[in-house]
Amino acid sequence: MTPVKVADLTINQFKELIREVVIHTLSEMMDDPDEGMELRDDFAEELQHSLTSLGAGTKTIPAQEVAERLGLIW
């Protein structure tokens, strides 16, 4: 196959090339490396407990405050 130069593309061909590159890049960025994996039983139980607590109105701590407490923000 003979290499094609960008300068030889029509505007529509160039737009399609850019569209394909953007779609490919976004697909790679949004791919979930954990897809298909199962949660450990203990983690699933803890997660369920957290969700139940939130539903019951348990007070949460904002991420900003946690970061400050851990010294991640100064």
PDB file of N, CA and C in Angstrom:
ATOM      1  N   MET A   1       0.848  -1.181   0.000  1.00  0.00           N
ATOM      2  CA  MET A   1       0.000   0.000   0.000  1.00  0.00           C
ATOM      3  C   MET A   1       0.891   1.240   0.000  1.00  0.00           C
ATOM      4  N   THR A   2       0.594   2.170  -0.861  1.00  0.00           N
ATOM      5  CA  THR A   2       1.373   3.389  -0.974  1.00  0.00           C
ATOM      6  C   THR A   2       0.977   4.362   0.121  1.00  0.00           C
ATOM      7  N   PRO A   3       1.953   4.901   0.855  1.00  0.00           N
ATOM      8  CA  PRO A   3       1.618   5.873   1.909  1.00  0.00           C
ATOM      9  C   PRO A   3       0.937   7.107   1.321  1.00  0.00           C
ATOM     10  N   VAL A   4      -0.048   7.614   2.048  1.00  0.00           N
ATOM     11  CA  VAL A   4      -0.776   8.796   1.620  1.00  0.00           C
ATOM     12  C   VAL A   4      -0.346   9.960   2.492  1.00  0.00           C
ATOM     13  N   LYS A   5      -0.133  11.099   1.864  1.00  0.00           N
ATOM     14  CA  LYS A   5       0.219  12.309   2.606  1.00  0.00           C
ATOM     15  C   LYS A   5      -1.056  13.051   2.983  1.00  0.00           C
ATOM     16  N   VAL A   6      -1.014  13.685   4.128  1.00  0.00           N
ATOM     17  CA  VAL A   6      -2.166  14.470   4.578  1.00  0.00           C
ATOM     18  C   VAL A   6      -2.513  15.531   3.546  1.00  0.00           C
ATOM     19  N   ALA A   7      -1.504  16.097   2.929  1.00  0.00           N
ATOM     20  CA  ALA A   7      -1.726  17.148   1.929  1.00  0.00           C
ATOM     21  C   ALA A   7      -2.515  16.631   0.727  1.00  0.00           C
ATOM     22  N   ASP A   8      -2.502  15.314   0.505  1.00  0.00           N
ATOM     23  CA  ASP A   8      -3.215  14.735  -0.639  1.00  0.00           C
ATOM     24  C   ASP A   8      -4.675  14.385  -0.321  1.00  0.00           C
ATOM     25  N   LEU A   9      -5.076  14.496   0.930  1.00  0.00           N
ATOM     26  CA  LEU A   9      -6.443  14.164   1.322  1.00  0.00           C
ATOM     27  C   LEU A   9      -7.400  15.297   0.984  1.00  0.00           C
ATOM     28  N   THR A  10      -8.641  14.913   0.694  1.00  0.00           N
ATOM     29  CA  THR A  10      -9.673  15.936   0.545  1.00  0.00           C
ATOM     30  C   THR A  10     -10.065  16.386   1.956  1.00  0.00           C
ATOM     31  N   ILE A  11     -10.793  17.456   2.042  1.00  0.00           N
ATOM     32  CA  ILE A  11     -11.242  17.939   3.347  1.00  0.00           C
ATOM     33  C   ILE A  11     -12.087  16.874   4.034  1.00  0.00           C
ATOM     34  N   ASN A  12     -12.978  16.233   3.290  1.00  0.00           N
ATOM     35  CA  ASN A  12     -13.821  15.191   3.886  1.00  0.00           C
ATOM     36  C   ASN A  12     -12.995  13.991   4.339  1.00  0.00           C
ATOM     37  N   GLN A  13     -11.996  13.592   3.581  1.00  0.00           N
ATOM     38  CA  GLN A  13     -11.120  12.489   3.984  1.00  0.00           C
ATOM     39  C   GLN A  13     -10.341  12.857   5.238  1.00  0.00           C
ATOM     40  N   PHE A  14      -9.867  14.108   5.294  1.00  0.00           N
ATOM     41  CA  PHE A  14      -9.124  14.565   6.461  1.00  0.00           C
ATOM     42  C   PHE A  14     -10.030  14.575   7.693  1.00  0.00           C
ATOM     43  N   LYS A  15     -11.263  15.069   7.555  1.00  0.00           N
ATOM     44  CA  LYS A  15     -12.215  15.073   8.667  1.00  0.00           C
ATOM     45  C   LYS A  15     -12.494  13.653   9.151  1.00  0.00           C
ATOM     46  N   GLU A  16     -12.664  12.721   8.220  1.00  0.00           N
ATOM     47  CA  GLU A  16     -12.924  11.331   8.587  1.00  0.00           C
ATOM     48  C   GLU A  16     -11.730  10.740   9.322  1.00  0.00           C
ATOM     49  N   LEU A  17     -10.524  11.059   8.883  1.00  0.00           N
ATOM     50  CA  LEU A  17      -9.315  10.584   9.555  1.00  0.00           C
ATOM     51  C   LEU A  17      -9.267  11.103  10.988  1.00  0.00           C
ATOM     52  N   ILE A  18      -9.528  12.387  11.170  1.00  0.00           N
ATOM     53  CA  ILE A  18      -9.527  12.986  12.508  1.00  0.00           C
ATOM     54  C   ILE A  18     -10.606  12.333  13.363  1.00  0.00           C
ATOM     55  N   ARG A  19     -11.793  12.136  12.805  1.00  0.00           N
ATOM     56  CA  ARG A  19     -12.904  11.506  13.528  1.00  0.00           C
ATOM     57  C   ARG A  19     -12.489  10.110  14.009  1.00  0.00           C
ATOM     58  N   GLU A  20     -11.871   9.322  13.131  1.00  0.00           N
ATOM     59  CA  GLU A  20     -11.442   7.976  13.502  1.00  0.00           C
ATOM     60  C   GLU A  20     -10.392   8.002  14.604  1.00  0.00           C
ATOM     61  N   VAL A  21      -9.450   8.935  14.530  1.00  0.00           N
ATOM     62  CA  VAL A  21      -8.410   9.047  15.552  1.00  0.00           C
ATOM     63  C   VAL A  21      -9.016   9.438  16.892  1.00  0.00           C
ATOM     64  N   VAL A  22      -9.946  10.379  16.890  1.00  0.00           N
ATOM     65  CA  VAL A  22     -10.589  10.818  18.134  1.00  0.00           C
ATOM     66  C   VAL A  22     -11.387   9.670  18.747  1.00  0.00           C
ATOM     67  N   ILE A  23     -12.167   8.966  17.936  1.00  0.00           N
ATOM     68  CA  ILE A  23     -12.963   7.841  18.446  1.00  0.00           C
ATOM     69  C   ILE A  23     -12.050   6.763  19.013  1.00  0.00           C
ATOM     70  N   HIS A  24     -10.986   6.447  18.321  1.00  0.00           N
ATOM     71  CA  HIS A  24     -10.039   5.433  18.790  1.00  0.00           C
ATOM     72  C   HIS A  24      -9.409   5.856  20.118  1.00  0.00           C
ATOM     73  N   THR A  25      -8.989   7.109  20.205  1.00  0.00           N
ATOM     74  CA  THR A  25      -8.350   7.619  21.417  1.00  0.00           C
ATOM     75  C   THR A  25      -9.321   7.611  22.594  1.00  0.00           C
ATOM     76  N   LEU A  26     -10.543   8.076  22.378  1.00  0.00           N
ATOM     77  CA  LEU A  26     -11.544   8.074  23.452  1.00  0.00           C
ATOM     78  C   LEU A  26     -11.868   6.649  23.897  1.00  0.00           C
ATOM     79  N   SER A  27     -11.951   5.730  22.956  1.00  0.00           N
ATOM     80  CA  SER A  27     -12.223   4.333  23.302  1.00  0.00           C
ATOM     81  C   SER A  27     -11.130   3.773  24.192  1.00  0.00           C
ATOM     82  N   GLU A  28      -9.885   4.092  23.872  1.00  0.00           N
ATOM     83  CA  GLU A  28      -8.768   3.623  24.695  1.00  0.00           C
ATOM     84  C   GLU A  28      -8.809   4.243  26.082  1.00  0.00           C
ATOM     85  N   MET A  29      -9.132   5.541  26.175  1.00  0.00           N
ATOM     86  CA  MET A  29      -9.148   6.236  27.450  1.00  0.00           C
ATOM     87  C   MET A  29     -10.281   5.756  28.343  1.00  0.00           C
ATOM     88  N   MET A  30     -11.406   5.382  27.751  1.00  0.00           N
ATOM     89  CA  MET A  30     -12.583   5.022  28.535  1.00  0.00           C
ATOM     90  C   MET A  30     -12.705   3.518  28.746  1.00  0.00           C
ATOM     91  N   ASP A  31     -11.768   2.774  28.232  1.00  0.00           N
ATOM     92  CA  ASP A  31     -11.804   1.329  28.406  1.00  0.00           C
ATOM     93  C   ASP A  31     -11.659   0.999  29.882  1.00  0.00           C
ATOM     94  N   ASP A  32     -12.447   0.065  30.358  1.00  0.00           N
ATOM     95  CA  ASP A  32     -12.426  -0.324  31.765  1.00  0.00           C
ATOM     96  C   ASP A  32     -11.543  -1.550  31.932  1.00  0.00           C
ATOM     97  N   PRO A  33     -10.351  -1.384  32.530  1.00  0.00           N
ATOM     98  CA  PRO A  33      -9.447  -2.521  32.679  1.00  0.00           C
ATOM     99  C   PRO A  33      -9.990  -3.588  33.629  1.00  0.00           C
ATOM    100  N   ASP A  34     -10.990  -3.240  34.430  1.00  0.00           N
ATOM    101  CA  ASP A  34     -11.562  -4.192  35.389  1.00  0.00           C
ATOM    102  C   ASP A  34     -12.818  -4.882  34.852  1.00  0.00           C
ATOM    103  N   GLU A  35     -13.187  -4.562  33.623  1.00  0.00           N
ATOM    104  CA  GLU A  35     -14.405  -5.150  33.058  1.00  0.00           C
ATOM    105  C   GLU A  35     -14.315  -6.679  33.063  1.00  0.00           C
ATOM    106  N   GLY A  36     -15.375  -7.297  33.529  1.00  0.00           N
ATOM    107  CA  GLY A  36     -15.431  -8.749  33.552  1.00  0.00           C
ATOM    108  C   GLY A  36     -14.879  -9.375  34.825  1.00  0.00           C
ATOM    109  N   MET A  37     -14.221  -8.576  35.648  1.00  0.00           N
ATOM    110  CA  MET A  37     -13.675  -9.106  36.888  1.00  0.00           C
ATOM    111  C   MET A  37     -14.767  -9.130  37.959  1.00  0.00           C
ATOM    112  N   GLU A  38     -14.631  -9.999  38.926  1.00  0.00           N
ATOM    113  CA  GLU A  38     -15.600 -10.093  40.006  1.00  0.00           C
ATOM    114  C   GLU A  38     -15.026  -9.472  41.274  1.00  0.00           C
ATOM    115  N   LEU A  39     -15.931  -8.894  42.082  1.00  0.00           N
ATOM    116  CA  LEU A  39     -15.509  -8.333  43.361  1.00  0.00           C
ATOM    117  C   LEU A  39     -15.295  -9.452  44.367  1.00  0.00           C
ATOM    118  N   ARG A  40     -14.308  -9.265  45.234  1.00  0.00           N
ATOM    119  CA  ARG A  40     -14.151 -10.207  46.348  1.00  0.00           C
ATOM    120  C   ARG A  40     -15.380 -10.087  47.230  1.00  0.00           C
ATOM    121  N   ASP A  41     -15.764 -11.179  47.868  1.00  0.00           N
ATOM    122  CA  ASP A  41     -16.957 -11.185  48.715  1.00  0.00           C
ATOM    123  C   ASP A  41     -16.882 -10.140  49.819  1.00  0.00           C
ATOM    124  N   ASP A  42     -15.720 -10.021  50.485  1.00  0.00           N
ATOM    125  CA  ASP A  42     -15.601  -9.067  51.589  1.00  0.00           C
ATOM    126  C   ASP A  42     -15.738  -7.630  51.090  1.00  0.00           C
ATOM    127  N   PHE A  43     -15.203  -7.344  49.904  1.00  0.00           N
ATOM    128  CA  PHE A  43     -15.308  -5.997  49.355  1.00  0.00           C
ATOM    129  C   PHE A  43     -16.748  -5.698  48.935  1.00  0.00           C
ATOM    130  N   ALA A  44     -17.409  -6.676  48.327  1.00  0.00           N
ATOM    131  CA  ALA A  44     -18.800  -6.495  47.911  1.00  0.00           C
ATOM    132  C   ALA A  44     -19.691  -6.221  49.127  1.00  0.00           C
ATOM    133  N   GLU A  45     -19.431  -6.925  50.231  1.00  0.00           N
ATOM    134  CA  GLU A  45     -20.209  -6.704  51.451  1.00  0.00           C
ATOM    135  C   GLU A  45     -19.975  -5.307  52.013  1.00  0.00           C
ATOM    136  N   GLU A  46     -18.724  -4.878  52.025  1.00  0.00           N
ATOM    137  CA  GLU A  46     -18.400  -3.538  52.529  1.00  0.00           C
ATOM    138  C   GLU A  46     -19.028  -2.463  51.649  1.00  0.00           C
ATOM    139  N   LEU A  47     -18.990  -2.671  50.362  1.00  0.00           N
ATOM    140  CA  LEU A  47     -19.604  -1.729  49.428  1.00  0.00           C
ATOM    141  C   LEU A  47     -21.111  -1.654  49.658  1.00  0.00           C
ATOM    142  N   GLN A  48     -21.739  -2.800  49.821  1.00  0.00           N
ATOM    143  CA  GLN A  48     -23.178  -2.829  50.081  1.00  0.00           C
ATOM    144  C   GLN A  48     -23.503  -2.115  51.391  1.00  0.00           C
ATOM    145  N   HIS A  49     -22.674  -2.321  52.407  1.00  0.00           N
ATOM    146  CA  HIS A  49     -22.864  -1.644  53.699  1.00  0.00           C
ATOM    147  C   HIS A  49     -22.773  -0.126  53.517  1.00  0.00           C
ATOM    148  N   SER A  50     -21.787   0.326  52.748  1.00  0.00           N
ATOM    149  CA  SER A  50     -21.634   1.766  52.501  1.00  0.00           C
ATOM    150  C   SER A  50     -22.854   2.334  51.798  1.00  0.00           C
ATOM    151  N   LEU A  51     -23.322   1.635  50.777  1.00  0.00           N
ATOM    152  CA  LEU A  51     -24.489   2.117  50.032  1.00  0.00           C
ATOM    153  C   LEU A  51     -25.731   2.146  50.909  1.00  0.00           C
ATOM    154  N   THR A  52     -25.893   1.142  51.753  1.00  0.00           N
ATOM    155  CA  THR A  52     -27.033   1.103  52.670  1.00  0.00           C
ATOM    156  C   THR A  52     -26.955   2.260  53.664  1.00  0.00           C
ATOM    157  N   SER A  53     -25.754   2.528  54.177  1.00  0.00           N
ATOM    158  CA  SER A  53     -25.564   3.631  55.122  1.00  0.00           C
ATOM    159  C   SER A  53     -25.888   4.965  54.478  1.00  0.00           C
ATOM    160  N   LEU A  54     -25.443   5.157  53.237  1.00  0.00           N
ATOM    161  CA  LEU A  54     -25.743   6.404  52.537  1.00  0.00           C
ATOM    162  C   LEU A  54     -27.247   6.567  52.354  1.00  0.00           C
ATOM    163  N   GLY A  55     -27.911   5.476  52.007  1.00  0.00           N
ATOM    164  CA  GLY A  55     -29.357   5.517  51.821  1.00  0.00           C
ATOM    165  C   GLY A  55     -30.096   5.847  53.102  1.00  0.00           C
ATOM    166  N   ALA A  56     -29.495   5.499  54.235  1.00  0.00           N
ATOM    167  CA  ALA A  56     -30.122   5.754  55.533  1.00  0.00           C
ATOM    168  C   ALA A  56     -29.796   7.157  56.044  1.00  0.00           C
ATOM    169  N   GLY A  57     -29.048   7.922  55.269  1.00  0.00           N
ATOM    170  CA  GLY A  57     -28.754   9.300  55.644  1.00  0.00           C
ATOM    171  C   GLY A  57     -27.511   9.485  56.483  1.00  0.00           C
ATOM    172  N   THR A  58     -26.630   8.494  56.500  1.00  0.00           N
ATOM    173  CA  THR A  58     -25.385   8.617  57.252  1.00  0.00           C
ATOM    174  C   THR A  58     -24.587   9.809  56.736  1.00  0.00           C
ATOM    175  N   LYS A  59     -24.026  10.584  57.652  1.00  0.00           N
ATOM    176  CA  LYS A  59     -23.238  11.759  57.278  1.00  0.00           C
ATOM    177  C   LYS A  59     -21.946  11.323  56.599  1.00  0.00           C
ATOM    178  N   THR A  60     -21.620  11.992  55.520  1.00  0.00           N
ATOM    179  CA  THR A  60     -20.370  11.713  54.809  1.00  0.00           C
ATOM    180  C   THR A  60     -19.417  12.894  54.971  1.00  0.00           C
ATOM    181  N   ILE A  61     -18.168  12.673  54.636  1.00  0.00           N
ATOM    182  CA  ILE A  61     -17.152  13.723  54.723  1.00  0.00           C
ATOM    183  C   ILE A  61     -16.770  14.108  53.295  1.00  0.00           C
ATOM    184  N   PRO A  62     -16.834  15.396  52.961  1.00  0.00           N
ATOM    185  CA  PRO A  62     -16.463  15.836  51.613  1.00  0.00           C
ATOM    186  C   PRO A  62     -15.004  15.482  51.288  1.00  0.00           C
ATOM    187  N   ALA A  63     -14.746  15.158  50.039  1.00  0.00           N
ATOM    188  CA  ALA A  63     -13.403  14.778  49.598  1.00  0.00           C
ATOM    189  C   ALA A  63     -12.374  15.858  49.924  1.00  0.00           C
ATOM    190  N   GLN A  64     -12.748  17.114  49.799  1.00  0.00           N
ATOM    191  CA  GLN A  64     -11.854  18.226  50.111  1.00  0.00           C
ATOM    192  C   GLN A  64     -11.387  18.150  51.559  1.00  0.00           C
ATOM    193  N   GLU A  65     -12.318  17.864  52.463  1.00  0.00           N
ATOM    194  CA  GLU A  65     -11.982  17.775  53.880  1.00  0.00           C
ATOM    195  C   GLU A  65     -11.067  16.575  54.157  1.00  0.00           C
ATOM    196  N   VAL A  66     -11.351  15.454  53.531  1.00  0.00           N
ATOM    197  CA  VAL A  66     -10.492  14.278  53.696  1.00  0.00           C
ATOM    198  C   VAL A  66      -9.081  14.588  53.226  1.00  0.00           C
ATOM    199  N   ALA A  67      -8.956  15.228  52.081  1.00  0.00           N
ATOM    200  CA  ALA A  67      -7.646  15.594  51.537  1.00  0.00           C
ATOM    201  C   ALA A  67      -6.906  16.510  52.492  1.00  0.00           C
ATOM    202  N   GLU A  68      -7.612  17.474  53.084  1.00  0.00           N
ATOM    203  CA  GLU A  68      -6.989  18.380  54.037  1.00  0.00           C
ATOM    204  C   GLU A  68      -6.527  17.621  55.284  1.00  0.00           C
ATOM    205  N   ARG A  69      -7.373  16.725  55.803  1.00  0.00           N
ATOM    206  CA  ARG A  69      -7.015  15.946  56.988  1.00  0.00           C
ATOM    207  C   ARG A  69      -5.779  15.078  56.740  1.00  0.00           C
ATOM    208  N   LEU A  70      -5.649  14.572  55.522  1.00  0.00           N
ATOM    209  CA  LEU A  70      -4.506  13.721  55.185  1.00  0.00           C
ATOM    210  C   LEU A  70      -3.267  14.521  54.790  1.00  0.00           C
ATOM    211  N   GLY A  71      -3.400  15.844  54.794  1.00  0.00           N
ATOM    212  CA  GLY A  71      -2.270  16.690  54.446  1.00  0.00           C
ATOM    213  C   GLY A  71      -1.976  16.724  52.959  1.00  0.00           C
ATOM    214  N   LEU A  72      -2.960  16.372  52.148  1.00  0.00           N
ATOM    215  CA  LEU A  72      -2.762  16.365  50.696  1.00  0.00           C
ATOM    216  C   LEU A  72      -2.933  17.743  50.109  1.00  0.00           C
ATOM    217  N   ILE A  73      -3.552  18.632  50.878  1.00  0.00           N
ATOM    218  CA  ILE A  73      -3.760  20.028  50.450  1.00  0.00           C
ATOM    219  C   ILE A  73      -3.222  20.912  51.554  1.00  0.00           C
ATOM    220  N   TRP A  74      -2.406  21.857  51.207  1.00  0.00           N
ATOM    221  CA  TRP A  74      -1.877  22.761  52.220  1.00  0.00           C
ATOM    222  C   TRP A  74      -1.981  24.176  51.781  1.00  0.00           C
TER     223      TRP A  74
END
